[in-house]
């Protein structure tokens, strides 16, 4: 798993398996957010399996699914709600890109500086330019 830190609260990665949840919990993650639609790939576990494995690891599982190019404000609002709980979050999707996009959208809704978000995302290897233009607080 290639974990990329976006800020002190959020990290992202490519899709994970149930086996990754306990190590994430041991590293301080309190909430895991899946940005993949269920069944996006036959190789990915179901939401039910992920939720069960998360509970066994002592963390919360949240699904905020959307497909590439289909992120809407509602997805950003849902992710913002997760962030506002103050928990340490790990989000994942096929490559980590969708998760970085929804993180940026959520942070914009929370009043974050767009230039700083752009810099943080670039530092992790993601381009959030489209989100900076389309999402307004």
N, C-alpha and C. Protein backbone atom coordinates (compact mmCIF):
# COMPACT_ATOMS: atom_id res chain seq x y z
N UNK A 1 0.85 -1.17 0.00
CA UNK A 1 0.00 0.00 0.00
C UNK A 1 0.90 1.24 0.00
N UNK A 2 0.62 2.14 -0.92
CA UNK A 2 1.39 3.36 -1.05
C UNK A 2 0.61 4.53 -0.42
N UNK A 3 0.86 4.79 0.85
CA UNK A 3 0.12 5.82 1.58
C UNK A 3 0.76 7.18 1.33
N UNK A 4 -0.11 8.15 0.99
CA UNK A 4 0.35 9.52 0.77
C UNK A 4 -0.39 10.44 1.74
N UNK A 5 0.36 11.22 2.45
CA UNK A 5 -0.20 12.12 3.45
C UNK A 5 -0.59 13.45 2.78
N UNK A 6 -1.84 13.86 2.94
CA UNK A 6 -2.30 15.14 2.38
C UNK A 6 -2.16 16.26 3.40
N UNK A 7 -2.44 15.96 4.66
CA UNK A 7 -2.26 16.91 5.76
C UNK A 7 -2.15 16.11 7.05
N UNK A 8 -2.17 16.78 8.18
CA UNK A 8 -2.00 16.07 9.45
C UNK A 8 -3.15 15.14 9.79
N UNK A 9 -4.30 15.35 9.14
CA UNK A 9 -5.48 14.54 9.46
C UNK A 9 -5.75 13.45 8.43
N UNK A 10 -5.37 13.67 7.18
CA UNK A 10 -5.80 12.79 6.08
C UNK A 10 -4.64 12.21 5.29
N UNK A 11 -4.74 10.90 5.07
CA UNK A 11 -3.85 10.21 4.14
C UNK A 11 -4.73 9.50 3.11
N UNK A 12 -4.13 9.18 1.97
CA UNK A 12 -4.86 8.48 0.90
C UNK A 12 -3.98 7.39 0.31
N UNK A 13 -4.65 6.47 -0.38
CA UNK A 13 -3.91 5.42 -1.08
C UNK A 13 -4.79 4.81 -2.16
N UNK A 14 -4.17 3.89 -2.88
CA UNK A 14 -4.93 3.07 -3.81
C UNK A 14 -5.84 2.15 -3.00
N UNK A 15 -6.66 1.40 -3.68
CA UNK A 15 -7.63 0.53 -3.00
C UNK A 15 -6.93 -0.39 -2.02
N UNK A 16 -7.57 -0.60 -0.88
CA UNK A 16 -7.01 -1.46 0.16
C UNK A 16 -7.91 -2.69 0.35
N UNK A 17 -7.36 -3.66 1.03
CA UNK A 17 -8.12 -4.87 1.37
C UNK A 17 -8.46 -4.83 2.85
N UNK A 18 -9.26 -5.76 3.26
CA UNK A 18 -9.64 -5.86 4.67
C UNK A 18 -8.42 -6.05 5.57
N UNK A 19 -7.40 -6.75 5.06
CA UNK A 19 -6.20 -7.01 5.83
C UNK A 19 -5.42 -5.74 6.17
N UNK A 20 -5.65 -4.66 5.43
CA UNK A 20 -4.92 -3.41 5.67
C UNK A 20 -5.50 -2.59 6.81
N UNK A 21 -6.71 -2.92 7.24
CA UNK A 21 -7.39 -2.08 8.23
C UNK A 21 -6.75 -2.13 9.61
N UNK A 22 -6.37 -3.29 10.09
CA UNK A 22 -5.73 -3.39 11.41
C UNK A 22 -4.42 -2.61 11.44
N UNK A 23 -3.54 -2.75 10.44
CA UNK A 23 -2.31 -1.94 10.46
C UNK A 23 -2.59 -0.43 10.39
N UNK A 24 -3.60 -0.03 9.64
CA UNK A 24 -3.96 1.39 9.61
C UNK A 24 -4.38 1.86 11.00
N UNK A 25 -5.20 1.05 11.67
CA UNK A 25 -5.65 1.39 13.02
C UNK A 25 -4.45 1.48 13.97
N UNK A 26 -3.51 0.57 13.83
CA UNK A 26 -2.32 0.57 14.69
C UNK A 26 -1.48 1.82 14.46
N UNK A 27 -1.62 2.43 13.28
CA UNK A 27 -0.89 3.66 12.96
C UNK A 27 -1.71 4.91 13.24
N UNK A 28 -2.80 4.77 13.99
CA UNK A 28 -3.55 5.93 14.43
C UNK A 28 -4.76 6.32 13.60
N UNK A 29 -5.02 5.60 12.53
CA UNK A 29 -6.20 5.91 11.72
C UNK A 29 -7.45 5.53 12.50
N UNK A 30 -8.43 6.44 12.51
CA UNK A 30 -9.67 6.22 13.24
C UNK A 30 -10.87 6.01 12.32
N UNK A 31 -10.77 6.53 11.09
CA UNK A 31 -11.85 6.40 10.11
C UNK A 31 -11.24 6.06 8.76
N UNK A 32 -11.83 5.08 8.07
CA UNK A 32 -11.43 4.74 6.71
C UNK A 32 -12.58 5.09 5.79
N UNK A 33 -12.28 5.86 4.75
CA UNK A 33 -13.30 6.30 3.80
C UNK A 33 -13.03 5.68 2.44
N UNK A 34 -14.02 4.96 1.91
CA UNK A 34 -13.93 4.36 0.58
C UNK A 34 -14.60 5.29 -0.42
N UNK A 35 -13.88 5.71 -1.45
CA UNK A 35 -14.45 6.55 -2.49
C UNK A 35 -14.75 5.77 -3.76
N UNK A 36 -14.73 4.44 -3.68
CA UNK A 36 -15.04 3.58 -4.82
C UNK A 36 -16.49 3.12 -4.74
N UNK A 37 -17.18 3.10 -5.87
CA UNK A 37 -18.51 2.47 -5.86
C UNK A 37 -18.36 0.99 -5.54
N UNK A 38 -19.30 0.45 -4.81
CA UNK A 38 -19.23 -0.98 -4.50
C UNK A 38 -19.27 -1.76 -5.80
N UNK A 39 -18.41 -2.77 -5.91
CA UNK A 39 -18.36 -3.58 -7.11
C UNK A 39 -17.56 -2.96 -8.24
N UNK A 40 -16.82 -1.89 -7.97
CA UNK A 40 -16.02 -1.25 -9.01
C UNK A 40 -15.05 -2.26 -9.63
N UNK A 41 -14.58 -3.16 -8.80
CA UNK A 41 -13.71 -4.24 -9.28
C UNK A 41 -14.07 -5.50 -8.50
N UNK A 42 -14.03 -6.62 -9.18
CA UNK A 42 -14.32 -7.89 -8.51
C UNK A 42 -13.27 -8.22 -7.46
N UNK A 43 -12.08 -7.61 -7.57
CA UNK A 43 -11.00 -7.89 -6.63
C UNK A 43 -11.18 -7.16 -5.31
N UNK A 44 -12.06 -6.17 -5.27
CA UNK A 44 -12.24 -5.38 -4.05
C UNK A 44 -13.29 -6.00 -3.15
N UNK A 45 -13.05 -5.96 -1.85
CA UNK A 45 -14.04 -6.50 -0.91
C UNK A 45 -15.32 -5.66 -0.90
N UNK A 46 -16.40 -6.25 -0.45
CA UNK A 46 -17.68 -5.54 -0.35
C UNK A 46 -17.63 -4.53 0.79
N UNK A 47 -18.56 -3.58 0.77
CA UNK A 47 -18.67 -2.63 1.87
C UNK A 47 -18.91 -3.38 3.18
N UNK A 48 -19.77 -4.40 3.14
CA UNK A 48 -20.08 -5.16 4.36
C UNK A 48 -18.83 -5.80 4.93
N UNK A 49 -18.00 -6.39 4.07
CA UNK A 49 -16.76 -7.00 4.53
C UNK A 49 -15.80 -5.96 5.10
N UNK A 50 -15.72 -4.80 4.42
CA UNK A 50 -14.84 -3.73 4.89
C UNK A 50 -15.32 -3.19 6.23
N UNK A 51 -16.63 -3.01 6.36
CA UNK A 51 -17.18 -2.49 7.61
C UNK A 51 -16.90 -3.45 8.76
N UNK A 52 -17.09 -4.73 8.53
CA UNK A 52 -16.83 -5.73 9.56
C UNK A 52 -15.35 -5.74 9.96
N UNK A 53 -14.46 -5.71 8.97
CA UNK A 53 -13.02 -5.70 9.26
C UNK A 53 -12.63 -4.41 9.99
N UNK A 54 -13.25 -3.30 9.63
CA UNK A 54 -12.96 -2.03 10.31
C UNK A 54 -13.40 -2.10 11.77
N UNK A 55 -14.59 -2.61 12.00
CA UNK A 55 -15.09 -2.75 13.38
C UNK A 55 -14.17 -3.65 14.20
N UNK A 56 -13.70 -4.73 13.60
CA UNK A 56 -12.78 -5.64 14.30
C UNK A 56 -11.46 -4.94 14.63
N UNK A 57 -11.07 -3.98 13.77
CA UNK A 57 -9.83 -3.23 13.99
C UNK A 57 -10.05 -2.03 14.92
N UNK A 58 -11.30 -1.76 15.27
CA UNK A 58 -11.61 -0.66 16.16
C UNK A 58 -11.70 0.68 15.48
N UNK A 59 -11.97 0.68 14.18
CA UNK A 59 -12.11 1.93 13.44
C UNK A 59 -13.44 1.98 12.71
N UNK A 60 -13.77 3.14 12.21
CA UNK A 60 -15.04 3.37 11.52
C UNK A 60 -14.82 3.28 10.01
N UNK A 61 -15.77 2.66 9.31
CA UNK A 61 -15.74 2.59 7.85
C UNK A 61 -16.86 3.45 7.29
N UNK A 62 -16.54 4.32 6.33
CA UNK A 62 -17.51 5.20 5.69
C UNK A 62 -17.35 5.07 4.18
N UNK A 63 -18.46 4.93 3.47
CA UNK A 63 -18.42 4.90 2.01
C UNK A 63 -18.98 6.22 1.47
N UNK A 64 -18.16 6.91 0.67
CA UNK A 64 -18.58 8.11 -0.06
C UNK A 64 -18.18 7.86 -1.50
N UNK A 65 -18.94 6.99 -2.18
CA UNK A 65 -18.53 6.54 -3.51
C UNK A 65 -18.91 7.51 -4.64
N UNK A 66 -18.02 7.58 -5.61
CA UNK A 66 -18.31 8.27 -6.87
C UNK A 66 -17.31 7.78 -7.91
N UNK A 67 -17.68 7.91 -9.16
CA UNK A 67 -16.79 7.48 -10.24
C UNK A 67 -15.97 8.66 -10.74
N UNK A 68 -14.92 8.35 -11.44
CA UNK A 68 -14.01 9.35 -11.97
C UNK A 68 -14.79 10.41 -12.77
N UNK A 69 -14.53 11.66 -12.46
CA UNK A 69 -15.17 12.76 -13.16
C UNK A 69 -16.60 13.04 -12.73
N UNK A 70 -17.09 12.35 -11.71
CA UNK A 70 -18.48 12.49 -11.27
C UNK A 70 -18.62 13.00 -9.83
N UNK A 71 -17.55 13.59 -9.29
CA UNK A 71 -17.64 14.10 -7.94
C UNK A 71 -18.57 15.31 -7.92
N UNK A 72 -19.44 15.33 -6.94
CA UNK A 72 -20.38 16.44 -6.78
C UNK A 72 -20.17 17.10 -5.41
N UNK A 73 -20.75 18.26 -5.25
CA UNK A 73 -20.64 18.98 -3.99
C UNK A 73 -21.09 18.11 -2.81
N UNK A 74 -22.11 17.28 -3.02
CA UNK A 74 -22.62 16.41 -1.95
C UNK A 74 -21.54 15.46 -1.43
N UNK A 75 -20.67 14.99 -2.33
CA UNK A 75 -19.58 14.11 -1.90
C UNK A 75 -18.61 14.90 -1.01
N UNK A 76 -18.33 16.12 -1.42
CA UNK A 76 -17.43 16.99 -0.63
C UNK A 76 -18.04 17.31 0.73
N UNK A 77 -19.34 17.56 0.76
CA UNK A 77 -20.02 17.84 2.02
C UNK A 77 -19.96 16.63 2.95
N UNK A 78 -20.15 15.44 2.40
CA UNK A 78 -20.09 14.22 3.22
C UNK A 78 -18.68 14.03 3.78
N UNK A 79 -17.67 14.28 2.96
CA UNK A 79 -16.28 14.14 3.43
C UNK A 79 -15.97 15.23 4.46
N UNK A 80 -16.49 16.43 4.24
CA UNK A 80 -16.32 17.51 5.22
C UNK A 80 -16.88 17.08 6.58
N UNK A 81 -18.04 16.46 6.56
CA UNK A 81 -18.65 16.00 7.81
C UNK A 81 -17.75 15.00 8.53
N UNK A 82 -17.11 14.13 7.79
CA UNK A 82 -16.17 13.18 8.39
C UNK A 82 -14.99 13.94 9.00
N UNK A 83 -14.45 14.90 8.25
CA UNK A 83 -13.30 15.66 8.75
C UNK A 83 -13.64 16.46 9.99
N UNK A 84 -14.83 16.99 10.05
CA UNK A 84 -15.22 17.81 11.18
C UNK A 84 -15.35 17.02 12.48
N UNK A 85 -15.39 15.71 12.39
CA UNK A 85 -15.39 14.88 13.61
C UNK A 85 -14.03 14.94 14.30
N UNK A 86 -13.00 15.36 13.56
CA UNK A 86 -11.66 15.50 14.14
C UNK A 86 -10.83 14.24 14.17
N UNK A 87 -11.35 13.16 13.64
CA UNK A 87 -10.62 11.88 13.64
C UNK A 87 -9.55 11.87 12.56
N UNK A 88 -8.58 11.00 12.75
CA UNK A 88 -7.55 10.79 11.74
C UNK A 88 -8.13 9.87 10.67
N UNK A 89 -8.04 10.29 9.41
CA UNK A 89 -8.76 9.64 8.30
C UNK A 89 -7.79 9.10 7.25
N UNK A 90 -8.12 7.91 6.76
CA UNK A 90 -7.45 7.37 5.58
C UNK A 90 -8.52 7.12 4.52
N UNK A 91 -8.37 7.74 3.36
CA UNK A 91 -9.33 7.56 2.27
C UNK A 91 -8.65 6.80 1.14
N UNK A 92 -9.46 6.03 0.41
CA UNK A 92 -8.88 5.27 -0.70
C UNK A 92 -9.84 5.16 -1.87
N UNK A 93 -9.26 4.93 -3.02
CA UNK A 93 -9.99 4.67 -4.27
C UNK A 93 -9.04 3.86 -5.15
N UNK A 94 -9.28 3.80 -6.42
CA UNK A 94 -8.45 2.97 -7.29
C UNK A 94 -6.98 3.41 -7.26
N UNK A 95 -6.73 4.73 -7.31
CA UNK A 95 -5.35 5.23 -7.34
C UNK A 95 -5.04 6.22 -6.22
N UNK A 96 -6.05 6.69 -5.51
CA UNK A 96 -5.88 7.75 -4.52
C UNK A 96 -6.29 9.11 -5.06
N UNK A 97 -6.44 9.21 -6.36
CA UNK A 97 -6.77 10.50 -6.98
C UNK A 97 -8.15 11.01 -6.58
N UNK A 98 -9.18 10.17 -6.69
CA UNK A 98 -10.52 10.61 -6.30
C UNK A 98 -10.55 11.04 -4.84
N UNK A 99 -9.84 10.29 -4.00
CA UNK A 99 -9.80 10.63 -2.58
C UNK A 99 -9.14 11.98 -2.35
N UNK A 100 -8.09 12.30 -3.12
CA UNK A 100 -7.45 13.61 -2.97
C UNK A 100 -8.39 14.71 -3.45
N UNK A 101 -9.19 14.42 -4.47
CA UNK A 101 -10.14 15.41 -5.00
C UNK A 101 -11.22 15.73 -3.97
N UNK A 102 -11.81 14.71 -3.38
CA UNK A 102 -12.89 14.94 -2.42
C UNK A 102 -12.34 15.57 -1.14
N UNK A 103 -11.12 15.25 -0.76
CA UNK A 103 -10.47 15.92 0.36
C UNK A 103 -10.36 17.42 0.08
N UNK A 104 -9.87 17.76 -1.12
CA UNK A 104 -9.71 19.17 -1.48
C UNK A 104 -11.06 19.89 -1.47
N UNK A 105 -12.08 19.25 -2.04
CA UNK A 105 -13.41 19.86 -2.04
C UNK A 105 -13.93 20.09 -0.64
N UNK A 106 -13.74 19.12 0.23
CA UNK A 106 -14.17 19.25 1.63
C UNK A 106 -13.43 20.38 2.33
N UNK A 107 -12.14 20.46 2.10
CA UNK A 107 -11.33 21.50 2.74
C UNK A 107 -11.73 22.89 2.24
N UNK A 108 -12.07 23.00 0.95
CA UNK A 108 -12.53 24.28 0.42
C UNK A 108 -13.82 24.68 1.13
N UNK A 109 -14.74 23.73 1.30
CA UNK A 109 -15.99 24.01 2.01
C UNK A 109 -15.73 24.44 3.46
N UNK A 110 -14.60 24.03 4.00
CA UNK A 110 -14.23 24.39 5.37
C UNK A 110 -13.44 25.70 5.42
N UNK A 111 -13.24 26.33 4.26
CA UNK A 111 -12.57 27.62 4.22
C UNK A 111 -11.07 27.58 4.04
N UNK A 112 -10.51 26.46 3.65
CA UNK A 112 -9.07 26.35 3.47
C UNK A 112 -8.60 27.18 2.28
N UNK A 113 -7.35 27.59 2.35
CA UNK A 113 -6.73 28.36 1.28
C UNK A 113 -6.45 27.45 0.07
N UNK A 114 -6.97 27.85 -1.08
CA UNK A 114 -6.85 27.00 -2.27
C UNK A 114 -5.40 26.82 -2.72
N UNK A 115 -4.58 27.85 -2.61
CA UNK A 115 -3.18 27.72 -3.01
C UNK A 115 -2.44 26.73 -2.12
N UNK A 116 -2.74 26.77 -0.83
CA UNK A 116 -2.11 25.83 0.09
C UNK A 116 -2.57 24.40 -0.20
N UNK A 117 -3.87 24.22 -0.47
CA UNK A 117 -4.37 22.89 -0.82
C UNK A 117 -3.68 22.36 -2.07
N UNK A 118 -3.54 23.23 -3.07
CA UNK A 118 -2.89 22.84 -4.32
C UNK A 118 -1.47 22.37 -4.05
N UNK A 119 -0.76 23.12 -3.22
CA UNK A 119 0.61 22.77 -2.88
C UNK A 119 0.68 21.43 -2.13
N UNK A 120 -0.22 21.25 -1.17
CA UNK A 120 -0.24 19.99 -0.40
C UNK A 120 -0.53 18.81 -1.32
N UNK A 121 -1.51 18.96 -2.20
CA UNK A 121 -1.86 17.87 -3.12
C UNK A 121 -0.70 17.57 -4.07
N UNK A 122 -0.09 18.62 -4.59
CA UNK A 122 1.06 18.42 -5.49
C UNK A 122 2.18 17.68 -4.78
N UNK A 123 2.40 18.04 -3.51
CA UNK A 123 3.44 17.38 -2.73
C UNK A 123 3.21 15.89 -2.58
N UNK A 124 1.93 15.49 -2.63
CA UNK A 124 1.58 14.07 -2.52
C UNK A 124 1.45 13.42 -3.90
N UNK A 125 1.62 14.22 -4.96
CA UNK A 125 1.57 13.67 -6.31
C UNK A 125 0.21 13.73 -6.99
N UNK A 126 -0.66 14.64 -6.53
CA UNK A 126 -2.00 14.74 -7.11
C UNK A 126 -2.26 16.13 -7.66
N UNK A 127 -3.05 16.19 -8.72
CA UNK A 127 -3.46 17.45 -9.33
C UNK A 127 -4.92 17.70 -9.00
N UNK A 128 -5.19 18.70 -8.20
CA UNK A 128 -6.55 19.02 -7.79
C UNK A 128 -7.05 20.29 -8.48
N UNK A 129 -6.42 20.70 -9.56
CA UNK A 129 -6.76 21.96 -10.23
C UNK A 129 -8.23 22.11 -10.55
N UNK A 130 -8.86 21.06 -11.05
CA UNK A 130 -10.27 21.14 -11.42
C UNK A 130 -11.15 21.42 -10.20
N UNK A 131 -10.81 20.84 -9.07
CA UNK A 131 -11.60 21.06 -7.85
C UNK A 131 -11.47 22.51 -7.40
N UNK A 132 -10.30 23.06 -7.54
CA UNK A 132 -10.06 24.45 -7.12
C UNK A 132 -10.93 25.42 -7.91
N UNK A 133 -11.26 25.06 -9.14
CA UNK A 133 -12.08 25.91 -10.00
C UNK A 133 -13.58 25.66 -9.78
N UNK A 134 -13.95 24.43 -9.52
CA UNK A 134 -15.38 24.08 -9.50
C UNK A 134 -16.05 24.15 -8.14
N UNK A 135 -15.30 23.99 -7.06
CA UNK A 135 -15.89 23.99 -5.72
C UNK A 135 -15.68 25.35 -5.06
N UNK A 136 -16.76 25.93 -4.63
CA UNK A 136 -16.71 27.21 -3.90
C UNK A 136 -17.28 26.99 -2.50
N UNK A 137 -16.73 27.73 -1.52
CA UNK A 137 -17.23 27.58 -0.14
C UNK A 137 -18.71 27.90 -0.01
